[in-house]
N, C-alpha and C. Protein backbone atom coordinates (compact mmCIF):
# COMPACT_ATOMS: atom_id res chain seq x y z
N MET A 1 -19.62 25.49 9.94
CA MET A 1 -18.74 26.60 10.28
C MET A 1 -17.62 26.65 9.31
N ALA A 2 -17.14 27.78 8.88
CA ALA A 2 -16.07 27.85 7.95
C ALA A 2 -14.74 27.51 8.61
N ASN A 3 -13.86 26.95 7.75
CA ASN A 3 -12.56 26.51 8.27
C ASN A 3 -11.63 27.69 8.52
N ASP A 4 -11.81 28.66 7.69
CA ASP A 4 -10.97 29.91 7.78
C ASP A 4 -11.84 31.04 8.38
N LEU A 5 -11.43 31.51 9.61
CA LEU A 5 -12.25 32.48 10.26
C LEU A 5 -11.79 33.92 9.98
N ARG A 6 -10.88 34.11 9.12
CA ARG A 6 -10.38 35.35 8.72
C ARG A 6 -11.07 35.81 7.36
N ILE A 7 -11.16 37.15 7.17
CA ILE A 7 -11.74 37.65 5.97
C ILE A 7 -10.78 38.82 5.47
N SER A 8 -10.53 38.89 4.26
CA SER A 8 -9.69 39.99 3.71
C SER A 8 -10.59 41.24 3.57
N ILE A 9 -9.88 42.33 3.63
CA ILE A 9 -10.60 43.63 3.41
C ILE A 9 -11.36 43.62 2.09
N ASP A 10 -10.79 43.07 0.98
CA ASP A 10 -11.50 43.08 -0.29
C ASP A 10 -12.73 42.25 -0.24
N ASP A 11 -12.68 41.08 0.38
CA ASP A 11 -13.87 40.18 0.53
C ASP A 11 -14.95 40.87 1.38
N LEU A 12 -14.49 41.52 2.41
CA LEU A 12 -15.41 42.27 3.34
C LEU A 12 -16.06 43.34 2.54
N LYS A 13 -15.36 44.12 1.85
CA LYS A 13 -15.98 45.25 1.02
C LYS A 13 -16.98 44.68 -0.01
N LYS A 14 -16.61 43.57 -0.66
CA LYS A 14 -17.58 42.91 -1.66
C LYS A 14 -18.90 42.56 -0.90
N ARG A 15 -18.76 41.90 0.21
CA ARG A 15 -19.95 41.45 0.94
C ARG A 15 -20.81 42.67 1.41
N MET A 16 -20.16 43.69 1.84
CA MET A 16 -20.85 44.90 2.24
C MET A 16 -21.53 45.61 1.01
N ALA A 17 -20.80 45.68 -0.07
CA ALA A 17 -21.33 46.24 -1.25
C ALA A 17 -22.61 45.50 -1.75
N ALA A 18 -22.63 44.15 -1.48
CA ALA A 18 -23.69 43.34 -1.90
C ALA A 18 -24.88 43.43 -0.98
N GLY A 19 -24.74 44.22 0.11
CA GLY A 19 -25.85 44.54 1.03
C GLY A 19 -25.87 43.56 2.15
N GLU A 20 -24.85 42.78 2.42
CA GLU A 20 -24.90 41.83 3.55
C GLU A 20 -24.76 42.66 4.82
N ASP A 21 -25.65 42.21 5.74
CA ASP A 21 -25.72 42.91 7.08
C ASP A 21 -24.66 42.25 7.94
N ILE A 22 -23.68 42.96 8.21
CA ILE A 22 -22.44 42.45 9.04
C ILE A 22 -22.35 43.20 10.34
N ILE A 23 -22.19 42.47 11.40
CA ILE A 23 -21.94 43.05 12.76
C ILE A 23 -20.47 43.18 12.93
N PHE A 24 -20.10 44.42 13.36
CA PHE A 24 -18.67 44.70 13.60
C PHE A 24 -18.53 44.79 15.06
N ILE A 25 -17.41 44.25 15.59
CA ILE A 25 -17.05 44.39 17.03
C ILE A 25 -15.65 44.97 17.13
N ASP A 26 -15.59 46.03 17.86
CA ASP A 26 -14.33 46.75 18.03
C ASP A 26 -13.72 46.21 19.34
N THR A 27 -12.66 45.51 19.22
CA THR A 27 -11.98 44.90 20.42
C THR A 27 -10.78 45.55 20.88
N ARG A 28 -10.61 46.83 20.44
CA ARG A 28 -9.37 47.59 20.86
C ARG A 28 -9.43 47.83 22.37
N ASN A 29 -8.19 47.83 22.90
CA ASN A 29 -8.10 48.14 24.34
C ASN A 29 -8.53 49.57 24.60
N PRO A 30 -8.94 49.93 25.84
CA PRO A 30 -9.38 51.29 26.14
C PRO A 30 -8.40 52.39 25.75
N GLN A 31 -7.14 52.14 25.90
CA GLN A 31 -6.09 53.18 25.53
C GLN A 31 -6.17 53.39 24.01
N ALA A 32 -6.06 52.31 23.23
CA ALA A 32 -6.04 52.45 21.78
C ALA A 32 -7.37 53.05 21.26
N TRP A 33 -8.44 52.68 21.85
CA TRP A 33 -9.76 53.18 21.44
C TRP A 33 -9.88 54.66 21.71
N GLY A 34 -9.35 55.06 22.87
CA GLY A 34 -9.47 56.50 23.27
C GLY A 34 -8.51 57.41 22.47
N GLN A 35 -7.48 56.80 21.94
CA GLN A 35 -6.49 57.65 21.16
C GLN A 35 -6.80 57.67 19.71
N SER A 36 -7.83 56.92 19.23
CA SER A 36 -8.18 56.88 17.78
C SER A 36 -9.35 57.71 17.56
N ASP A 37 -9.40 58.33 16.38
CA ASP A 37 -10.64 59.06 15.94
C ASP A 37 -11.30 58.29 14.81
N VAL A 38 -10.86 57.03 14.62
CA VAL A 38 -11.41 56.17 13.54
C VAL A 38 -12.30 55.12 14.22
N THR A 39 -13.54 55.04 13.75
CA THR A 39 -14.52 54.00 14.25
C THR A 39 -15.38 53.56 13.11
N ILE A 40 -15.91 52.37 13.19
CA ILE A 40 -16.91 51.79 12.26
C ILE A 40 -18.26 52.21 12.81
N PRO A 41 -19.11 52.93 12.08
CA PRO A 41 -20.42 53.28 12.61
C PRO A 41 -21.18 52.02 13.08
N ASP A 42 -21.82 52.15 14.21
CA ASP A 42 -22.67 51.06 14.78
C ASP A 42 -21.87 49.81 15.21
N ALA A 43 -20.57 49.96 15.29
CA ALA A 43 -19.74 48.82 15.77
C ALA A 43 -20.05 48.68 17.33
N ILE A 44 -20.07 47.42 17.76
CA ILE A 44 -20.23 47.12 19.13
C ILE A 44 -18.82 47.08 19.77
N ARG A 45 -18.69 47.82 20.82
CA ARG A 45 -17.39 47.95 21.49
C ARG A 45 -17.30 46.91 22.62
N LEU A 46 -16.45 45.95 22.48
CA LEU A 46 -16.24 44.95 23.49
C LEU A 46 -14.73 44.63 23.61
N THR A 47 -14.13 44.90 24.80
CA THR A 47 -12.76 44.59 24.94
C THR A 47 -12.68 43.00 25.16
N LEU A 48 -11.48 42.51 24.85
CA LEU A 48 -11.24 41.09 24.98
C LEU A 48 -11.50 40.68 26.41
N ASP A 49 -11.36 41.54 27.39
CA ASP A 49 -11.55 41.11 28.76
C ASP A 49 -13.10 40.75 29.06
N ASN A 50 -14.01 41.35 28.34
CA ASN A 50 -15.41 41.06 28.61
C ASN A 50 -16.14 40.46 27.42
N PHE A 51 -15.36 40.04 26.38
CA PHE A 51 -15.92 39.51 25.16
C PHE A 51 -16.80 38.26 25.46
N GLU A 52 -16.35 37.35 26.13
CA GLU A 52 -17.05 36.10 26.40
C GLU A 52 -18.34 36.34 27.23
N LYS A 53 -18.29 37.32 28.08
CA LYS A 53 -19.48 37.63 28.90
C LYS A 53 -20.70 38.07 28.00
N HIS A 54 -20.45 38.52 26.86
CA HIS A 54 -21.46 39.12 26.01
C HIS A 54 -21.79 38.27 24.76
N LEU A 55 -21.11 37.09 24.63
CA LEU A 55 -21.36 36.31 23.45
C LEU A 55 -22.83 35.97 23.25
N ASP A 56 -23.49 35.68 24.27
CA ASP A 56 -24.95 35.31 24.11
C ASP A 56 -25.77 36.47 23.59
N GLU A 57 -25.30 37.73 23.71
CA GLU A 57 -26.08 38.91 23.26
C GLU A 57 -25.89 39.18 21.76
N LEU A 58 -24.87 38.57 21.13
CA LEU A 58 -24.64 38.80 19.73
C LEU A 58 -25.56 38.01 18.86
N PRO A 59 -25.95 38.59 17.70
CA PRO A 59 -26.83 37.81 16.82
C PRO A 59 -26.21 36.62 16.31
N LYS A 60 -27.02 35.54 16.17
CA LYS A 60 -26.49 34.21 15.67
C LYS A 60 -26.67 34.06 14.18
N ASN A 61 -27.56 34.91 13.60
CA ASN A 61 -27.95 34.81 12.29
C ASN A 61 -27.18 35.84 11.36
N LYS A 62 -26.22 36.50 11.72
CA LYS A 62 -25.45 37.42 10.94
C LYS A 62 -23.87 37.21 11.10
N PRO A 63 -23.20 37.44 10.02
CA PRO A 63 -21.76 37.32 10.21
C PRO A 63 -21.20 38.39 11.05
N ILE A 64 -20.21 38.07 11.88
CA ILE A 64 -19.64 39.01 12.79
C ILE A 64 -18.11 39.14 12.49
N VAL A 65 -17.72 40.44 12.40
CA VAL A 65 -16.31 40.72 12.11
C VAL A 65 -15.75 41.44 13.32
N ALA A 66 -14.72 40.86 13.97
CA ALA A 66 -14.06 41.62 15.10
C ALA A 66 -12.76 42.26 14.58
N TYR A 67 -12.50 43.43 15.01
CA TYR A 67 -11.28 44.11 14.61
C TYR A 67 -10.64 44.79 15.80
N CYS A 68 -9.33 45.02 15.65
CA CYS A 68 -8.49 45.74 16.57
C CYS A 68 -7.30 46.34 15.96
N THR A 69 -6.46 46.90 16.67
CA THR A 69 -5.23 47.51 16.06
C THR A 69 -4.03 46.79 16.53
């Protein structure tokens, strides 16, 4: 496991441009999510309240990037 669990936007863009299949998780609270018209296509929406309940459903063989506002 990597020591640094953060990724910069530039590194993320490079990995995506290289064709890496990355899972995105939108962890914004319902109010922030409802007020935004910006989403990442195919992102999984999980609030922090129920994040741990769904950990076993996430792919283990792909990098996962969680984001919020």
